């Protein structure tokens, strides 16, 4: 699984932290699209690729749910990640988890 995904000349990107020991978990640290290019589906395009790679490699994805000041609202961000199979962790509502799918 890659740790950096870049599309559209760097205007859309995603980054992950992985464990070099081979642990089957990756932390999605960021999905970013330059503000003037939002609303074109570029973030979704990258997240779909990240999820497909995670499924292929049997990797569980985790992220810290933080909408930030200039992105989607908390409700919109939660809904966006849920469309790609992420669910909120039971022990921490600010963490979302996505188990490998399609196997």
PDB file of N, CA and C in Angstrom:
ATOM      1  N   UNK A   1       0.848  -1.178   0.000  1.00  0.00           N
ATOM      2  CA  UNK A   1       0.000   0.000   0.000  1.00  0.00           C
ATOM      3  C   UNK A   1       0.894   1.242   0.000  1.00  0.00           C
ATOM      4  N   UNK A   2       0.540   2.198  -0.832  1.00  0.00           N
ATOM      5  CA  UNK A   2       1.308   3.439  -0.895  1.00  0.00           C
ATOM      6  C   UNK A   2       1.051   4.276   0.360  1.00  0.00           C
ATOM      7  N   UNK A   3       1.949   5.203   0.646  1.00  0.00           N
ATOM      8  CA  UNK A   3       1.749   6.104   1.773  1.00  0.00           C
ATOM      9  C   UNK A   3       1.405   7.520   1.324  1.00  0.00           C
ATOM     10  N   UNK A   4       1.605   7.815   0.050  1.00  0.00           N
ATOM     11  CA  UNK A   4       1.247   9.127  -0.492  1.00  0.00           C
ATOM     12  C   UNK A   4       0.526   8.928  -1.818  1.00  0.00           C
ATOM     13  N   UNK A   5      -0.595   9.591  -1.956  1.00  0.00           N
ATOM     14  CA  UNK A   5      -1.380   9.575  -3.186  1.00  0.00           C
ATOM     15  C   UNK A   5      -1.494  11.029  -3.646  1.00  0.00           C
ATOM     16  N   UNK A   6      -1.144  11.290  -4.879  1.00  0.00           N
ATOM     17  CA  UNK A   6      -1.194  12.651  -5.416  1.00  0.00           C
ATOM     18  C   UNK A   6      -1.898  12.619  -6.769  1.00  0.00           C
ATOM     19  N   UNK A   7      -2.820  13.526  -6.968  1.00  0.00           N
ATOM     20  CA  UNK A   7      -3.558  13.622  -8.223  1.00  0.00           C
ATOM     21  C   UNK A   7      -3.674  15.079  -8.638  1.00  0.00           C
ATOM     22  N   UNK A   8      -3.964  15.280  -9.902  1.00  0.00           N
ATOM     23  CA  UNK A   8      -4.261  16.604 -10.454  1.00  0.00           C
ATOM     24  C   UNK A   8      -3.146  17.608 -10.148  1.00  0.00           C
ATOM     25  N   UNK A   9      -1.931  17.214 -10.532  1.00  0.00           N
ATOM     26  CA  UNK A   9      -0.751  18.082 -10.373  1.00  0.00           C
ATOM     27  C   UNK A   9      -0.551  18.554  -8.932  1.00  0.00           C
ATOM     28  N   UNK A  10      -0.864  17.691  -7.976  1.00  0.00           N
ATOM     29  CA  UNK A  10      -0.642  18.004  -6.564  1.00  0.00           C
ATOM     30  C   UNK A  10      -1.754  18.789  -5.906  1.00  0.00           C
ATOM     31  N   UNK A  11      -2.805  19.053  -6.631  1.00  0.00           N
ATOM     32  CA  UNK A  11      -3.905  19.833  -6.063  1.00  0.00           C
ATOM     33  C   UNK A  11      -4.832  18.988  -5.192  1.00  0.00           C
ATOM     34  N   UNK A  12      -4.658  17.677  -5.248  1.00  0.00           N
ATOM     35  CA  UNK A  12      -5.409  16.743  -4.405  1.00  0.00           C
ATOM     36  C   UNK A  12      -4.434  15.671  -3.933  1.00  0.00           C
ATOM     37  N   UNK A  13      -4.499  15.361  -2.640  1.00  0.00           N
ATOM     38  CA  UNK A  13      -3.557  14.370  -2.105  1.00  0.00           C
ATOM     39  C   UNK A  13      -4.142  13.674  -0.885  1.00  0.00           C
ATOM     40  N   UNK A  14      -3.523  12.546  -0.577  1.00  0.00           N
ATOM     41  CA  UNK A  14      -3.843  11.807   0.649  1.00  0.00           C
ATOM     42  C   UNK A  14      -2.533  11.241   1.167  1.00  0.00           C
ATOM     43  N   UNK A  15      -2.425  11.149   2.480  1.00  0.00           N
ATOM     44  CA  UNK A  15      -1.222  10.561   3.066  1.00  0.00           C
ATOM     45  C   UNK A  15      -1.617   9.600   4.176  1.00  0.00           C
ATOM     46  N   UNK A  16      -0.773   8.558   4.331  1.00  0.00           N
ATOM     47  CA  UNK A  16      -1.021   7.527   5.332  1.00  0.00           C
ATOM     48  C   UNK A  16       0.267   7.215   6.072  1.00  0.00           C
ATOM     49  N   UNK A  17       0.099   6.763   7.300  1.00  0.00           N
ATOM     50  CA  UNK A  17       1.207   6.213   8.081  1.00  0.00           C
ATOM     51  C   UNK A  17       1.001   4.711   8.161  1.00  0.00           C
ATOM     52  N   UNK A  18       2.040   3.977   7.866  1.00  0.00           N
ATOM     53  CA  UNK A  18       1.957   2.522   7.955  1.00  0.00           C
ATOM     54  C   UNK A  18       3.050   2.024   8.892  1.00  0.00           C
ATOM     55  N   UNK A  19       2.866   0.826   9.372  1.00  0.00           N
ATOM     56  CA  UNK A  19       3.832   0.197  10.276  1.00  0.00           C
ATOM     57  C   UNK A  19       4.790  -0.649   9.452  1.00  0.00           C
ATOM     58  N   UNK A  20       6.084  -0.332   9.468  1.00  0.00           N
ATOM     59  CA  UNK A  20       7.031  -1.099   8.658  1.00  0.00           C
ATOM     60  C   UNK A  20       7.166  -2.559   9.078  1.00  0.00           C
ATOM     61  N   UNK A  21       6.634  -2.920  10.236  1.00  0.00           N
ATOM     62  CA  UNK A  21       6.728  -4.308  10.692  1.00  0.00           C
ATOM     63  C   UNK A  21       5.755  -5.212   9.940  1.00  0.00           C
ATOM     64  N   UNK A  22       4.892  -4.607   9.132  1.00  0.00           N
ATOM     65  CA  UNK A  22       3.940  -5.411   8.382  1.00  0.00           C
ATOM     66  C   UNK A  22       2.560  -5.476   9.015  1.00  0.00           C
ATOM     67  N   UNK A  23       2.332  -4.722  10.086  1.00  0.00           N
ATOM     68  CA  UNK A  23       1.008  -4.658  10.700  1.00  0.00           C
ATOM     69  C   UNK A  23      -0.003  -4.235   9.636  1.00  0.00           C
ATOM     70  N   UNK A  24      -1.140  -4.828   9.643  1.00  0.00           N
ATOM     71  CA  UNK A  24      -2.150  -4.600   8.612  1.00  0.00           C
ATOM     72  C   UNK A  24      -3.083  -3.436   8.963  1.00  0.00           C
ATOM     73  N   UNK A  25      -2.510  -2.355   9.513  1.00  0.00           N
ATOM     74  CA  UNK A  25      -3.269  -1.157   9.837  1.00  0.00           C
ATOM     75  C   UNK A  25      -2.524   0.046   9.276  1.00  0.00           C
ATOM     76  N   UNK A  26      -3.274   0.988   8.720  1.00  0.00           N
ATOM     77  CA  UNK A  26      -2.694   2.239   8.238  1.00  0.00           C
ATOM     78  C   UNK A  26      -3.535   3.384   8.784  1.00  0.00           C
ATOM     79  N   UNK A  27      -2.878   4.473   9.121  1.00  0.00           N
ATOM     80  CA  UNK A  27      -3.574   5.658   9.608  1.00  0.00           C
ATOM     81  C   UNK A  27      -3.646   6.664   8.464  1.00  0.00           C
ATOM     82  N   UNK A  28      -4.854   7.010   8.086  1.00  0.00           N
ATOM     83  CA  UNK A  28      -5.074   8.018   7.065  1.00  0.00           C
ATOM     84  C   UNK A  28      -4.909   9.374   7.744  1.00  0.00           C
ATOM     85  N   UNK A  29      -3.808  10.052   7.467  1.00  0.00           N
ATOM     86  CA  UNK A  29      -3.507  11.295   8.167  1.00  0.00           C
ATOM     87  C   UNK A  29      -4.122  12.512   7.509  1.00  0.00           C
ATOM     88  N   UNK A  30      -4.399  12.405   6.199  1.00  0.00           N
ATOM     89  CA  UNK A  30      -4.932  13.583   5.519  1.00  0.00           C
ATOM     90  C   UNK A  30      -5.488  13.221   4.150  1.00  0.00           C
ATOM     91  N   UNK A  31      -6.600  13.832   3.821  1.00  0.00           N
ATOM     92  CA  UNK A  31      -7.096  13.901   2.452  1.00  0.00           C
ATOM     93  C   UNK A  31      -7.291  15.393   2.209  1.00  0.00           C
ATOM     94  N   UNK A  32      -6.579  15.937   1.241  1.00  0.00           N
ATOM     95  CA  UNK A  32      -6.614  17.384   1.035  1.00  0.00           C
ATOM     96  C   UNK A  32      -6.819  17.728  -0.432  1.00  0.00           C
ATOM     97  N   UNK A  33      -7.623  18.753  -0.645  1.00  0.00           N
ATOM     98  CA  UNK A  33      -7.821  19.322  -1.977  1.00  0.00           C
ATOM     99  C   UNK A  33      -7.716  20.833  -1.815  1.00  0.00           C
ATOM    100  N   UNK A  34      -6.949  21.453  -2.693  1.00  0.00           N
ATOM    101  CA  UNK A  34      -6.828  22.912  -2.633  1.00  0.00           C
ATOM    102  C   UNK A  34      -8.224  23.526  -2.648  1.00  0.00           C
ATOM    103  N   UNK A  35      -8.450  24.550  -1.828  1.00  0.00           N
ATOM    104  CA  UNK A  35      -9.792  25.126  -1.707  1.00  0.00           C
ATOM    105  C   UNK A  35     -10.451  25.506  -3.036  1.00  0.00           C
ATOM    106  N   UNK A  36      -9.700  26.082  -3.947  1.00  0.00           N
ATOM    107  CA  UNK A  36     -10.312  26.526  -5.206  1.00  0.00           C
ATOM    108  C   UNK A  36     -10.685  25.369  -6.141  1.00  0.00           C
ATOM    109  N   UNK A  37     -10.286  24.138  -5.783  1.00  0.00           N
ATOM    110  CA  UNK A  37     -10.600  22.977  -6.610  1.00  0.00           C
ATOM    111  C   UNK A  37     -11.552  21.996  -5.917  1.00  0.00           C
ATOM    112  N   UNK A  38     -12.100  22.375  -4.776  1.00  0.00           N
ATOM    113  CA  UNK A  38     -13.042  21.512  -4.067  1.00  0.00           C
ATOM    114  C   UNK A  38     -14.368  21.441  -4.811  1.00  0.00           C
ATOM    115  N   UNK A  39     -15.102  20.367  -4.569  1.00  0.00           N
ATOM    116  CA  UNK A  39     -16.396  20.194  -5.214  1.00  0.00           C
ATOM    117  C   UNK A  39     -16.322  19.528  -6.578  1.00  0.00           C
ATOM    118  N   UNK A  40     -15.126  19.081  -6.977  1.00  0.00           N
ATOM    119  CA  UNK A  40     -14.944  18.429  -8.274  1.00  0.00           C
ATOM    120  C   UNK A  40     -14.841  16.908  -8.144  1.00  0.00           C
ATOM    121  N   UNK A  41     -14.930  16.410  -6.908  1.00  0.00           N
ATOM    122  CA  UNK A  41     -14.849  14.965  -6.700  1.00  0.00           C
ATOM    123  C   UNK A  41     -13.431  14.434  -6.580  1.00  0.00           C
ATOM    124  N   UNK A  42     -12.447  15.311  -6.495  1.00  0.00           N
ATOM    125  CA  UNK A  42     -11.057  14.866  -6.439  1.00  0.00           C
ATOM    126  C   UNK A  42     -10.722  14.175  -5.125  1.00  0.00           C
ATOM    127  N   UNK A  43     -11.264  14.659  -4.019  1.00  0.00           N
ATOM    128  CA  UNK A  43     -11.044  13.997  -2.730  1.00  0.00           C
ATOM    129  C   UNK A  43     -11.645  12.602  -2.739  1.00  0.00           C
ATOM    130  N   UNK A  44     -12.837  12.474  -3.299  1.00  0.00           N
ATOM    131  CA  UNK A  44     -13.483  11.167  -3.406  1.00  0.00           C
ATOM    132  C   UNK A  44     -12.682  10.236  -4.304  1.00  0.00           C
ATOM    133  N   UNK A  45     -12.154  10.769  -5.378  1.00  0.00           N
ATOM    134  CA  UNK A  45     -11.341   9.976  -6.299  1.00  0.00           C
ATOM    135  C   UNK A  45     -10.139   9.366  -5.571  1.00  0.00           C
ATOM    136  N   UNK A  46      -9.473  10.177  -4.781  1.00  0.00           N
ATOM    137  CA  UNK A  46      -8.300   9.682  -4.051  1.00  0.00           C
ATOM    138  C   UNK A  46      -8.716   8.711  -2.951  1.00  0.00           C
ATOM    139  N   UNK A  47      -9.784   9.040  -2.211  1.00  0.00           N
ATOM    140  CA  UNK A  47     -10.201   8.148  -1.130  1.00  0.00           C
ATOM    141  C   UNK A  47     -10.643   6.790  -1.679  1.00  0.00           C
ATOM    142  N   UNK A  48     -11.288   6.771  -2.832  1.00  0.00           N
ATOM    143  CA  UNK A  48     -11.658   5.494  -3.459  1.00  0.00           C
ATOM    144  C   UNK A  48     -10.412   4.660  -3.750  1.00  0.00           C
ATOM    145  N   UNK A  49      -9.357   5.301  -4.253  1.00  0.00           N
ATOM    146  CA  UNK A  49      -8.124   4.574  -4.558  1.00  0.00           C
ATOM    147  C   UNK A  49      -7.460   4.057  -3.282  1.00  0.00           C
ATOM    148  N   UNK A  50      -7.432   4.882  -2.248  1.00  0.00           N
ATOM    149  CA  UNK A  50      -6.860   4.449  -0.966  1.00  0.00           C
ATOM    150  C   UNK A  50      -7.627   3.231  -0.448  1.00  0.00           C
ATOM    151  N   UNK A  51      -8.953   3.301  -0.472  1.00  0.00           N
ATOM    152  CA  UNK A  51      -9.773   2.184   0.028  1.00  0.00           C
ATOM    153  C   UNK A  51      -9.588   0.934  -0.820  1.00  0.00           C
ATOM    154  N   UNK A  52      -9.497   1.089  -2.127  1.00  0.00           N
ATOM    155  CA  UNK A  52      -9.286  -0.071  -3.003  1.00  0.00           C
ATOM    156  C   UNK A  52      -7.942  -0.732  -2.707  1.00  0.00           C
ATOM    157  N   UNK A  53      -6.903   0.077  -2.519  1.00  0.00           N
ATOM    158  CA  UNK A  53      -5.593  -0.475  -2.184  1.00  0.00           C
ATOM    159  C   UNK A  53      -5.626  -1.176  -0.829  1.00  0.00           C
ATOM    160  N   UNK A  54      -6.327  -0.569   0.140  1.00  0.00           N
ATOM    161  CA  UNK A  54      -6.444  -1.184   1.460  1.00  0.00           C
ATOM    162  C   UNK A  54      -7.157  -2.526   1.363  1.00  0.00           C
ATOM    163  N   UNK A  55      -8.198  -2.595   0.553  1.00  0.00           N
ATOM    164  CA  UNK A  55      -8.919  -3.860   0.368  1.00  0.00           C
ATOM    165  C   UNK A  55      -8.019  -4.908  -0.274  1.00  0.00           C
ATOM    166  N   UNK A  56      -7.297  -4.520  -1.295  1.00  0.00           N
ATOM    167  CA  UNK A  56      -6.399  -5.441  -1.988  1.00  0.00           C
ATOM    168  C   UNK A  56      -5.331  -5.992  -1.050  1.00  0.00           C
ATOM    169  N   UNK A  57      -4.806  -5.116  -0.192  1.00  0.00           N
ATOM    170  CA  UNK A  57      -3.723  -5.508   0.711  1.00  0.00           C
ATOM    171  C   UNK A  57      -4.212  -5.980   2.075  1.00  0.00           C
ATOM    172  N   UNK A  58      -5.553  -6.050   2.258  1.00  0.00           N
ATOM    173  CA  UNK A  58      -6.157  -6.501   3.518  1.00  0.00           C
ATOM    174  C   UNK A  58      -5.734  -5.620   4.694  1.00  0.00           C
ATOM    175  N   UNK A  59      -5.791  -4.308   4.491  1.00  0.00           N
ATOM    176  CA  UNK A  59      -5.353  -3.334   5.489  1.00  0.00           C
ATOM    177  C   UNK A  59      -6.565  -2.629   6.095  1.00  0.00           C
ATOM    178  N   UNK A  60      -6.571  -2.505   7.417  1.00  0.00           N
ATOM    179  CA  UNK A  60      -7.574  -1.717   8.125  1.00  0.00           C
ATOM    180  C   UNK A  60      -7.121  -0.262   8.134  1.00  0.00           C
ATOM    181  N   UNK A  61      -8.028   0.640   7.772  1.00  0.00           N
ATOM    182  CA  UNK A  61      -7.723   2.066   7.784  1.00  0.00           C
ATOM    183  C   UNK A  61      -8.304   2.707   9.036  1.00  0.00           C
ATOM    184  N   UNK A  62      -7.561   3.641   9.597  1.00  0.00           N
ATOM    185  CA  UNK A  62      -8.022   4.409  10.753  1.00  0.00           C
ATOM    186  C   UNK A  62      -7.764   5.885  10.472  1.00  0.00           C
ATOM    187  N   UNK A  63      -8.567   6.746  11.086  1.00  0.00           N
ATOM    188  CA  UNK A  63      -8.337   8.187  10.973  1.00  0.00           C
ATOM    189  C   UNK A  63      -8.890   8.885  12.193  1.00  0.00           C
ATOM    190  N   UNK A  64      -8.337  10.034  12.461  1.00  0.00           N
ATOM    191  CA  UNK A  64      -8.846  10.896  13.512  1.00  0.00           C
ATOM    192  C   UNK A  64      -9.786  11.892  12.854  1.00  0.00           C
ATOM    193  N   UNK A  65     -10.993  11.924  13.304  1.00  0.00           N
ATOM    194  CA  UNK A  65     -12.056  12.743  12.716  1.00  0.00           C
ATOM    195  C   UNK A  65     -11.908  14.183  13.189  1.00  0.00           C
ATOM    196  N   UNK A  66     -11.404  15.055  12.301  1.00  0.00           N
ATOM    197  CA  UNK A  66     -11.185  16.461  12.653  1.00  0.00           C
ATOM    198  C   UNK A  66     -11.498  17.331  11.448  1.00  0.00           C
ATOM    199  N   UNK A  67     -12.677  17.967  11.433  1.00  0.00           N
ATOM    200  CA  UNK A  67     -13.065  18.725  10.259  1.00  0.00           C
ATOM    201  C   UNK A  67     -12.183  19.942   9.965  1.00  0.00           C
ATOM    202  N   UNK A  68     -11.532  20.498  10.934  1.00  0.00           N
ATOM    203  CA  UNK A  68     -10.683  21.656  10.681  1.00  0.00           C
ATOM    204  C   UNK A  68     -11.496  22.899  10.344  1.00  0.00           C
ATOM    205  N   UNK A  69     -10.837  24.050  10.302  1.00  0.00           N
ATOM    206  CA  UNK A  69     -11.560  25.309  10.129  1.00  0.00           C
ATOM    207  C   UNK A  69     -11.989  25.615   8.688  1.00  0.00           C
ATOM    208  N   UNK A  70     -11.355  25.020   7.688  1.00  0.00           N
ATOM    209  CA  UNK A  70     -11.625  25.422   6.303  1.00  0.00           C
ATOM    210  C   UNK A  70     -12.189  24.321   5.422  1.00  0.00           C
ATOM    211  N   UNK A  71     -12.536  23.188   6.010  1.00  0.00           N
ATOM    212  CA  UNK A  71     -13.030  22.068   5.206  1.00  0.00           C
ATOM    213  C   UNK A  71     -14.511  21.863   5.381  1.00  0.00           C
ATOM    214  N   UNK A  72     -14.918  20.622   5.235  1.00  0.00           N
ATOM    215  CA  UNK A  72     -16.311  20.252   5.402  1.00  0.00           C
ATOM    216  C   UNK A  72     -16.750  20.422   6.851  1.00  0.00           C
ATOM    217  N   UNK A  73     -18.049  20.587   7.068  1.00  0.00           N
ATOM    218  CA  UNK A  73     -18.585  20.588   8.430  1.00  0.00           C
ATOM    219  C   UNK A  73     -18.402  19.192   9.023  1.00  0.00           C
ATOM    220  N   UNK A  74     -18.507  19.089  10.326  1.00  0.00           N
ATOM    221  CA  UNK A  74     -18.350  17.789  10.990  1.00  0.00           C
ATOM    222  C   UNK A  74     -19.365  16.784  10.445  1.00  0.00           C
ATOM    223  N   UNK A  75     -20.611  17.207  10.266  1.00  0.00           N
ATOM    224  CA  UNK A  75     -21.654  16.308   9.772  1.00  0.00           C
ATOM    225  C   UNK A  75     -21.361  15.859   8.342  1.00  0.00           C
ATOM    226  N   UNK A  76     -20.947  16.787   7.497  1.00  0.00           N
ATOM    227  CA  UNK A  76     -20.657  16.449   6.100  1.00  0.00           C
ATOM    228  C   UNK A  76     -19.445  15.529   6.013  1.00  0.00           C
ATOM    229  N   UNK A  77     -18.423  15.790   6.834  1.00  0.00           N
ATOM    230  CA  UNK A  77     -17.233  14.947   6.807  1.00  0.00           C
ATOM    231  C   UNK A  77     -17.556  13.535   7.284  1.00  0.00           C
ATOM    232  N   UNK A  78     -18.314  13.422   8.355  1.00  0.00           N
ATOM    233  CA  UNK A  78     -18.718  12.111   8.865  1.00  0.00           C
ATOM    234  C   UNK A  78     -19.469  11.334   7.782  1.00  0.00           C
ATOM    235  N   UNK A  79     -20.413  11.972   7.136  1.00  0.00           N
ATOM    236  CA  UNK A  79     -21.195  11.337   6.081  1.00  0.00           C
ATOM    237  C   UNK A  79     -20.302  10.934   4.909  1.00  0.00           C
ATOM    238  N   UNK A  80     -19.341  11.776   4.557  1.00  0.00           N
ATOM    239  CA  UNK A  80     -18.430  11.494   3.440  1.00  0.00           C
ATOM    240  C   UNK A  80     -17.614  10.238   3.719  1.00  0.00           C
ATOM    241  N   UNK A  81     -17.008  10.164   4.885  1.00  0.00           N
ATOM    242  CA  UNK A  81     -16.224   8.971   5.214  1.00  0.00           C
ATOM    243  C   UNK A  81     -17.100   7.717   5.327  1.00  0.00           C
ATOM    244  N   UNK A  82     -18.301   7.862   5.850  1.00  0.00           N
ATOM    245  CA  UNK A  82     -19.206   6.711   5.961  1.00  0.00           C
ATOM    246  C   UNK A  82     -19.540   6.134   4.592  1.00  0.00           C
ATOM    247  N   UNK A  83     -19.617   6.969   3.559  1.00  0.00           N
ATOM    248  CA  UNK A  83     -19.897   6.473   2.195  1.00  0.00           C
ATOM    249  C   UNK A  83     -18.825   5.499   1.717  1.00  0.00           C
ATOM    250  N   UNK A  84     -17.643   5.586   2.295  1.00  0.00           N
ATOM    251  CA  UNK A  84     -16.537   4.715   1.890  1.00  0.00           C
ATOM    252  C   UNK A  84     -16.269   3.603   2.902  1.00  0.00           C
ATOM    253  N   UNK A  85     -17.226   3.380   3.793  1.00  0.00           N
ATOM    254  CA  UNK A  85     -17.147   2.241   4.691  1.00  0.00           C
ATOM    255  C   UNK A  85     -16.532   2.504   6.049  1.00  0.00           C
ATOM    256  N   UNK A  86     -16.222   3.749   6.372  1.00  0.00           N
ATOM    257  CA  UNK A  86     -15.680   4.077   7.697  1.00  0.00           C
ATOM    258  C   UNK A  86     -16.820   4.134   8.713  1.00  0.00           C
ATOM    259  N   UNK A  87     -16.535   3.688   9.921  1.00  0.00           N
ATOM    260  CA  UNK A  87     -17.480   3.794  11.031  1.00  0.00           C
ATOM    261  C   UNK A  87     -16.760   4.405  12.218  1.00  0.00           C
ATOM    262  N   UNK A  88     -17.514   5.006  13.110  1.00  0.00           N
ATOM    263  CA  UNK A  88     -16.910   5.594  14.308  1.00  0.00           C
ATOM    264  C   UNK A  88     -16.509   4.486  15.278  1.00  0.00           C
ATOM    265  N   UNK A  89     -15.352   4.646  15.883  1.00  0.00           N
ATOM    266  CA  UNK A  89     -14.887   3.684  16.879  1.00  0.00           C
ATOM    267  C   UNK A  89     -15.768   3.781  18.118  1.00  0.00           C
ATOM    268  N   UNK A  90     -16.052   2.648  18.730  1.00  0.00           N
ATOM    269  CA  UNK A  90     -16.919   2.628  19.905  1.00  0.00           C
ATOM    270  C   UNK A  90     -16.289   3.328  21.102  1.00  0.00           C
ATOM    271  N   UNK A  91     -14.975   3.210  21.235  1.00  0.00           N
ATOM    272  CA  UNK A  91     -14.318   3.760  22.419  1.00  0.00           C
ATOM    273  C   UNK A  91     -13.851   5.205  22.244  1.00  0.00           C
ATOM    274  N   UNK A  92     -13.945   5.765  21.026  1.00  0.00           N
ATOM    275  CA  UNK A  92     -13.509   7.136  20.783  1.00  0.00           C
ATOM    276  C   UNK A  92     -14.274   7.689  19.586  1.00  0.00           C
ATOM    277  N   UNK A  93     -15.242   8.585  19.812  1.00  0.00           N
ATOM    278  CA  UNK A  93     -16.063   9.081  18.702  1.00  0.00           C
ATOM    279  C   UNK A  93     -15.291   9.937  17.697  1.00  0.00           C
ATOM    280  N   UNK A  94     -14.062  10.329  18.015  1.00  0.00           N
ATOM    281  CA  UNK A  94     -13.255  11.113  17.085  1.00  0.00           C
ATOM    282  C   UNK A  94     -12.407  10.242  16.170  1.00  0.00           C
ATOM    283  N   UNK A  95     -12.496   8.925  16.346  1.00  0.00           N
ATOM    284  CA  UNK A  95     -11.739   7.983  15.521  1.00  0.00           C
ATOM    285  C   UNK A  95     -12.706   7.216  14.629  1.00  0.00           C
ATOM    286  N   UNK A  96     -12.316   7.055  13.367  1.00  0.00           N
ATOM    287  CA  UNK A  96     -13.111   6.257  12.436  1.00  0.00           C
ATOM    288  C   UNK A  96     -12.242   5.112  11.936  1.00  0.00           C
ATOM    289  N   UNK A  97     -12.879   3.981  11.668  1.00  0.00           N
ATOM    290  CA  UNK A  97     -12.189   2.769  11.255  1.00  0.00           C
ATOM    291  C   UNK A  97     -12.873   2.210  10.015  1.00  0.00           C
ATOM    292  N   UNK A  98     -12.068   1.676   9.112  1.00  0.00           N
ATOM    293  CA  UNK A  98     -12.619   0.989   7.938  1.00  0.00           C
ATOM    294  C   UNK A  98     -11.907  -0.354   7.794  1.00  0.00           C
ATOM    295  N   UNK A  99     -12.666  -1.421   7.961  1.00  0.00           N
ATOM    296  CA  UNK A  99     -12.110  -2.763   7.789  1.00  0.00           C
ATOM    297  C   UNK A  99     -12.011  -3.096   6.311  1.00  0.00           C
ATOM    298  N   UNK A 100     -11.077  -3.956   5.929  1.00  0.00           N
ATOM    299  CA  UNK A 100     -10.987  -4.367   4.519  1.00  0.00           C
ATOM    300  C   UNK A 100     -12.326  -4.934   4.052  1.00  0.00           C
ATOM    301  N   UNK A 101     -12.695  -4.624   2.829  1.00  0.00           N
ATOM    302  CA  UNK A 101     -13.991  -5.052   2.309  1.00  0.00           C
ATOM    303  C   UNK A 101     -13.806  -5.845   1.025  1.00  0.00           C
ATOM    304  N   UNK A 102     -14.838  -6.574   0.664  1.00  0.00           N
ATOM    305  CA  UNK A 102     -14.863  -7.283  -0.596  1.00  0.00           C
ATOM    306  C   UNK A 102     -14.168  -8.626  -0.600  1.00  0.00           C
ATOM    307  N   UNK A 103     -13.923  -9.195   0.558  1.00  0.00           N
ATOM    308  CA  UNK A 103     -13.273 -10.501   0.614  1.00  0.00           C
ATOM    309  C   UNK A 103     -14.244 -11.510   1.144  1.00  0.00           C
TER     310      UNK A 103
END
